[in-house]
Amino acid sequence: MEPITKTDLDLPLIHKGKVREMYDYDGDKILMVATDRISAFDVVFNEGIPYKGAVLSTLSQFWFNKTQHIIPNHVITTQMPETLPSYLKGRAVIVKKAKPLKIEVIVRGYLTGSGLKDYNKTGMVCGIKLPEGMKDGDRFPEPLFTPSTKAQEGHDQNITEAEAAEIIGQEKLDFVKKKCIELYNFGHEYLMSRGLILADTKFEFGELPSGEMILIDEVLTPDSSRYWSMDKYELGELVSLDKQYLRNYLETLDWGKTYPPPTLPKDVVDKVSNLYLSVYEKITGEKFPIE
């Protein structure tokens, strides 16, 4: 399958992100397309990853269906009108227009990644004091709710709950925190039944004109989450089944993590593609429908 790295639809383009492109649809809806672009360290690579966008979109739909009892989401339909290009099938969704909250949230269940670096320096993760002597991969006593700014360019910045409340208001923050922890716990429990550990994950929320808060963007995907193999974890190994493979490969290169990106070899592209496909199968119990 030839990767789709850009779209050019005869619709008003609202936003082009690192992976997704959003178009105005019928005035009160959005057509959200997940391309096969991949980014790491806030840099988008020239090579697309076959099937990646379709996996992200289909897997998000799987989770949106499973988490409706916790919070409503933005999905209207995944069925594409015949007036739109056929390549959108499986990678596009028509969603409700919602005003995104001006914060993102990462829920962390385990000490690793940037949280580990923070802990080793300060004994805290995002300002939250933790027990002494923790090491990479240790589970937190309770999942950590860690908000951040939404940077238009560059890195998001971690902020405290008090700072987040100043941005969106205490009432909204309390609601978002409650729902984030519920979503994380639900996802963690389900994924453990599938042989995976949900180390951490990102959530985004939007507000409808009615004031109702809903889940938007993507949910519990390999782009927004860090999964570990549970079998390997029990042996003391942290084996990532997500985009971390690409980050690890890039760390071996003499590259300053700025534009222009290095060229990704075919074997790396294929490995990443296979990772996304295998994660889909592990989570859903079904083979990804490759056409």
Protein backbone atom coordinates (compact mmCIF):
# COMPACT_ATOMS: atom_id res chain seq x y z
CA MET A 1 0.00 0.00 0.00
CA GLU A 2 1.37 3.39 -1.01
CA PRO A 3 1.49 5.65 2.07
CA ILE A 4 -0.79 8.71 2.09
CA THR A 5 1.30 11.62 3.39
CA LYS A 6 -0.97 14.46 2.31
CA THR A 7 -4.49 15.09 1.13
CA ASP A 8 -5.85 17.74 -1.19
CA LEU A 9 -9.61 17.69 -0.87
CA ASP A 10 -12.03 20.14 -2.39
CA LEU A 11 -13.06 21.29 1.08
CA PRO A 12 -11.92 24.20 3.30
CA LEU A 13 -8.82 23.10 5.25
CA ILE A 14 -9.19 24.02 8.93
CA HIS A 15 -5.98 22.61 10.35
CA LYS A 16 -2.99 20.53 9.34
CA GLY A 17 -1.25 18.79 12.22
CA LYS A 18 1.72 16.46 12.36
CA VAL A 19 -0.48 13.52 11.34
CA ARG A 20 -4.06 14.71 10.86
CA GLU A 21 -5.67 17.06 8.39
CA MET A 22 -9.05 18.58 9.25
CA TYR A 23 -11.53 19.95 6.76
CA ASP A 24 -14.74 21.90 7.25
CA TYR A 25 -17.62 19.61 6.28
CA ASP A 26 -21.19 20.86 5.78
CA GLY A 27 -20.51 23.87 7.98
CA ASP A 28 -21.19 22.22 11.33
CA LYS A 29 -18.94 19.14 11.07
CA ILE A 30 -15.28 18.29 10.52
CA LEU A 31 -13.78 15.67 8.24
CA MET A 32 -10.72 14.41 10.11
CA VAL A 33 -8.16 12.46 8.08
CA ALA A 34 -5.31 10.45 9.62
CA THR A 35 -2.42 10.45 7.13
CA ASP A 36 0.52 8.05 7.18
CA ARG A 37 2.92 10.78 8.30
CA ILE A 38 5.02 10.07 11.36
CA SER A 39 6.77 12.46 13.71
CA ALA A 40 9.35 12.07 16.44
CA PHE A 41 10.88 14.76 18.64
CA ASP A 42 8.36 17.19 17.06
CA VAL A 43 9.82 16.62 13.59
CA VAL A 44 7.68 15.19 10.78
CA PHE A 45 9.53 12.74 8.54
CA ASN A 46 9.37 12.65 4.75
CA GLU A 47 8.63 8.93 4.61
CA GLY A 48 5.10 7.73 5.28
CA ILE A 49 4.37 4.57 7.25
CA PRO A 50 2.09 2.18 5.31
CA TYR A 51 -1.30 1.60 7.02
CA LYS A 52 -0.42 3.86 9.97
CA GLY A 53 -3.20 6.41 9.49
CA ALA A 54 -5.83 3.73 8.94
CA VAL A 55 -4.66 1.87 12.06
CA LEU A 56 -4.84 5.05 14.15
CA SER A 57 -8.30 5.95 12.90
CA THR A 58 -9.75 2.41 13.18
CA LEU A 59 -8.20 1.81 16.60
CA SER A 60 -9.47 5.16 17.90
CA GLN A 61 -12.96 4.16 16.74
CA PHE A 62 -12.57 0.85 18.62
CA TRP A 63 -11.77 2.76 21.83
CA PHE A 64 -14.38 5.50 21.29
CA ASN A 65 -17.00 2.74 21.10
CA LYS A 66 -15.70 1.08 24.26
CA THR A 67 -15.49 4.26 26.36
CA GLN A 68 -18.85 5.89 25.58
CA HIS A 69 -20.07 4.87 29.04
CA ILE A 70 -17.33 7.04 30.56
CA ILE A 71 -17.64 10.12 28.34
CA PRO A 72 -19.25 10.93 24.96
CA ASN A 73 -16.93 11.55 22.01
CA HIS A 74 -16.85 13.55 18.79
CA VAL A 75 -17.54 10.75 16.28
CA ILE A 76 -20.53 11.10 13.97
CA THR A 77 -19.69 8.45 11.37
CA THR A 78 -16.80 6.58 9.78
CA GLN A 79 -18.82 6.01 6.60
CA MET A 80 -17.45 8.19 3.80
CA PRO A 81 -19.83 9.72 1.25
CA GLU A 82 -19.25 8.56 -2.33
CA THR A 83 -18.39 12.15 -3.27
CA LEU A 84 -15.10 11.83 -1.35
CA PRO A 85 -11.99 9.95 -2.57
CA SER A 86 -11.97 6.20 -1.91
CA TYR A 87 -8.54 6.35 -0.23
CA LEU A 88 -10.20 8.01 2.77
CA LYS A 89 -11.95 4.77 3.67
CA GLY A 90 -10.70 3.53 7.04
CA ARG A 91 -8.54 6.60 7.70
CA ALA A 92 -11.16 9.36 7.89
CA VAL A 93 -14.02 10.15 10.22
CA ILE A 94 -16.72 12.82 10.27
CA VAL A 95 -16.86 14.42 13.72
CA LYS A 96 -18.71 17.08 15.66
CA LYS A 97 -17.23 20.54 15.77
CA ALA A 98 -16.00 21.15 19.29
CA LYS A 99 -13.84 23.88 20.82
CA PRO A 100 -10.65 22.12 22.00
CA LEU A 101 -9.61 22.77 25.59
CA LYS A 102 -6.41 24.78 25.79
CA ILE A 103 -4.65 22.01 27.68
CA GLU A 104 -3.70 18.41 26.97
CA VAL A 105 -3.44 15.72 29.61
CA ILE A 106 -1.08 12.80 30.02
CA VAL A 107 -2.07 10.16 32.54
CA ARG A 108 1.00 8.27 33.75
CA GLY A 109 0.68 4.90 35.42
CA TYR A 110 4.38 4.05 35.46
CA LEU A 111 7.67 5.88 35.90
CA THR A 112 9.49 6.17 32.56
CA GLY A 113 10.44 8.55 29.74
CA SER A 114 10.46 12.26 30.54
CA GLY A 115 8.83 11.49 33.89
CA LEU A 116 11.86 9.40 34.86
CA LYS A 117 14.24 12.24 33.93
CA ASP A 118 12.16 14.64 36.01
CA TYR A 119 12.09 12.23 38.96
CA ASN A 120 15.85 11.61 38.87
CA LYS A 121 16.47 15.37 39.05
CA THR A 122 13.79 16.44 41.53
CA GLY A 123 12.16 13.39 43.13
CA MET A 124 8.95 14.57 41.49
CA VAL A 125 7.08 14.07 38.22
CA CYS A 126 5.44 17.25 36.92
CA GLY A 127 5.58 18.72 40.42
CA ILE A 128 4.05 15.65 42.10
CA LYS A 129 6.20 14.30 44.95
CA LEU A 130 6.86 10.55 44.70
CA PRO A 131 8.37 7.88 46.95
CA GLU A 132 12.16 7.63 47.01
CA GLY A 133 14.04 4.82 45.28
CA MET A 134 11.77 4.35 42.28
CA LYS A 135 13.31 3.10 39.03
CA ASP A 136 12.42 2.94 35.35
CA GLY A 137 9.20 0.97 34.85
CA ASP A 138 7.96 1.12 38.45
CA ARG A 139 4.20 1.52 38.82
CA PHE A 140 2.93 4.59 40.64
CA PRO A 141 0.75 4.08 43.73
CA GLU A 142 -2.02 5.87 41.77
CA PRO A 143 -2.11 7.10 38.16
CA LEU A 144 -0.74 10.63 37.83
CA PHE A 145 -2.81 13.34 36.14
CA THR A 146 -0.30 15.64 34.44
CA PRO A 147 -1.64 18.51 32.30
CA SER A 148 0.39 20.42 29.74
CA THR A 149 0.06 23.41 27.46
CA LYS A 150 -0.87 22.84 23.81
CA ALA A 151 2.03 24.26 21.85
CA GLN A 152 1.30 25.30 18.27
CA GLU A 153 4.95 24.64 17.53
CA GLY A 154 7.67 22.82 19.45
CA HIS A 155 7.20 21.06 22.77
CA ASP A 156 4.18 21.13 25.04
CA GLN A 157 5.12 22.39 28.49
CA ASN A 158 4.11 20.53 31.65
CA ILE A 159 2.05 22.65 34.03
CA THR A 160 0.60 22.17 37.50
CA GLU A 161 -3.06 21.55 38.16
CA ALA A 162 -3.29 25.06 39.59
CA GLU A 163 -1.89 26.50 36.36
CA ALA A 164 -4.27 24.34 34.32
CA ALA A 165 -7.20 25.63 36.41
CA GLU A 166 -6.17 29.19 35.57
CA ILE A 167 -6.38 28.32 31.87
CA ILE A 168 -9.66 26.37 31.71
CA GLY A 169 -11.28 26.95 35.12
CA GLN A 170 -11.42 24.71 38.19
CA GLU A 171 -14.79 23.13 37.40
CA LYS A 172 -13.70 21.98 33.95
CA LEU A 173 -10.37 20.78 35.30
CA ASP A 174 -12.07 18.69 37.99
CA PHE A 175 -14.31 17.10 35.36
CA VAL A 176 -11.41 16.39 32.98
CA LYS A 177 -9.27 14.91 35.75
CA LYS A 178 -12.03 12.56 36.87
CA LYS A 179 -12.69 11.38 33.32
CA CYS A 180 -8.97 11.00 32.48
CA ILE A 181 -8.37 8.71 35.45
CA GLU A 182 -11.47 6.66 34.60
CA LEU A 183 -10.36 6.36 30.97
CA TYR A 184 -6.82 5.38 31.94
CA ASN A 185 -7.98 2.75 34.44
CA PHE A 186 -10.43 1.30 31.91
CA GLY A 187 -7.77 1.18 29.19
CA HIS A 188 -5.13 -0.26 31.52
CA GLU A 189 -7.40 -3.06 32.71
CA TYR A 190 -8.53 -3.95 29.18
CA LEU A 191 -5.00 -3.89 27.76
CA MET A 192 -3.70 -6.14 30.53
CA SER A 193 -6.28 -8.69 29.40
CA ARG A 194 -4.65 -8.44 25.96
CA GLY A 195 -1.08 -8.87 27.24
CA LEU A 196 -0.16 -5.19 27.21
CA ILE A 197 0.63 -2.62 29.88
CA LEU A 198 -0.51 0.98 29.38
CA ALA A 199 2.43 2.94 30.77
CA ASP A 200 1.00 6.36 29.90
CA THR A 201 -1.37 7.99 27.45
CA LYS A 202 -2.58 11.38 26.25
CA PHE A 203 -6.18 12.61 26.14
CA GLU A 204 -7.76 15.66 24.52
CA PHE A 205 -11.15 17.17 25.22
CA GLY A 206 -13.44 19.58 23.42
CA GLU A 207 -16.50 21.60 24.34
CA LEU A 208 -19.68 21.56 22.24
CA PRO A 209 -21.74 24.75 21.76
CA SER A 210 -24.14 23.34 24.37
CA GLY A 211 -21.30 23.31 26.92
CA GLU A 212 -21.05 19.51 26.96
CA MET A 213 -17.48 18.21 27.30
CA ILE A 214 -16.49 15.37 24.96
CA LEU A 215 -13.45 13.28 24.08
CA ILE A 216 -11.80 14.32 20.80
CA ASP A 217 -8.82 13.67 18.52
CA GLU A 218 -7.54 10.11 19.11
CA VAL A 219 -7.62 7.78 22.06
CA LEU A 220 -5.33 5.01 23.36
CA THR A 221 -3.44 4.64 20.06
CA PRO A 222 0.26 3.82 19.49
CA ASP A 223 0.81 7.54 18.73
CA SER A 224 -0.82 8.82 21.91
CA SER A 225 0.16 5.99 24.27
CA ARG A 226 3.10 4.00 25.53
CA TYR A 227 2.43 0.25 25.60
CA TRP A 228 4.73 -2.41 27.02
CA SER A 229 4.65 -6.17 26.51
CA MET A 230 3.31 -7.60 29.78
CA ASP A 231 5.27 -10.86 29.40
CA LYS A 232 8.54 -8.94 29.04
CA TYR A 233 7.62 -6.54 31.84
CA GLU A 234 7.22 -9.46 34.24
CA LEU A 235 10.78 -10.47 33.29
CA GLY A 236 12.05 -6.98 34.09
CA GLU A 237 12.24 -5.75 30.48
CA LEU A 238 10.51 -2.66 29.11
CA VAL A 239 9.68 -3.59 25.51
CA SER A 240 7.71 -0.83 23.80
CA LEU A 241 5.05 -1.70 21.23
CA ASP A 242 4.46 1.80 19.91
CA LYS A 243 6.29 4.72 18.29
CA GLN A 244 9.12 4.34 20.83
CA TYR A 245 10.89 1.94 18.43
CA LEU A 246 11.41 4.84 16.01
CA ARG A 247 12.64 7.16 18.77
CA ASN A 248 15.13 4.52 19.90
CA TYR A 249 16.41 4.12 16.33
CA LEU A 250 16.79 7.90 15.93
CA GLU A 251 18.79 8.10 19.16
CA THR A 252 21.49 6.01 17.45
CA LEU A 253 21.94 8.63 14.71
CA ASP A 254 24.09 11.73 14.67
CA TRP A 255 21.08 14.01 14.29
CA GLY A 256 20.18 17.14 16.22
CA LYS A 257 16.43 16.39 16.39
CA THR A 258 15.65 19.42 14.22
CA TYR A 259 14.66 19.92 10.59
CA PRO A 260 15.59 18.54 8.13
CA PRO A 261 14.87 14.98 9.31
CA PRO A 262 17.12 12.09 8.34
CA THR A 263 15.95 9.62 5.71
CA LEU A 264 14.28 6.55 7.21
CA PRO A 265 15.61 3.29 5.70
CA LYS A 266 13.03 0.92 4.22
CA ASP A 267 13.63 -1.70 6.91
CA VAL A 268 12.86 0.87 9.63
CA VAL A 269 9.71 2.02 7.80
CA ASP A 270 8.58 -1.62 7.43
CA LYS A 271 9.33 -2.38 11.08
CA VAL A 272 7.28 0.60 12.27
CA SER A 273 4.41 -0.33 9.93
CA ASN A 274 4.41 -3.91 11.22
CA LEU A 275 4.44 -2.63 14.81
CA TYR A 276 1.26 -0.61 14.22
CA LEU A 277 -0.42 -3.57 12.54
CA SER A 278 0.59 -6.01 15.29
CA VAL A 279 -0.56 -3.64 18.04
CA TYR A 280 -3.94 -3.34 16.33
CA GLU A 281 -4.22 -7.13 16.26
CA LYS A 282 -3.14 -7.49 19.90
CA ILE A 283 -5.66 -4.92 21.12
CA THR A 284 -8.67 -5.88 19.01
CA GLY A 285 -8.01 -9.61 18.59
CA GLU A 286 -8.55 -9.20 14.85
CA LYS A 287 -6.28 -8.92 11.81
CA PHE A 288 -6.16 -5.44 10.37
CA PRO A 289 -8.24 -5.42 7.13
CA ILE A 290 -5.49 -4.87 4.54
CA GLU A 291 -6.91 -4.25 1.09
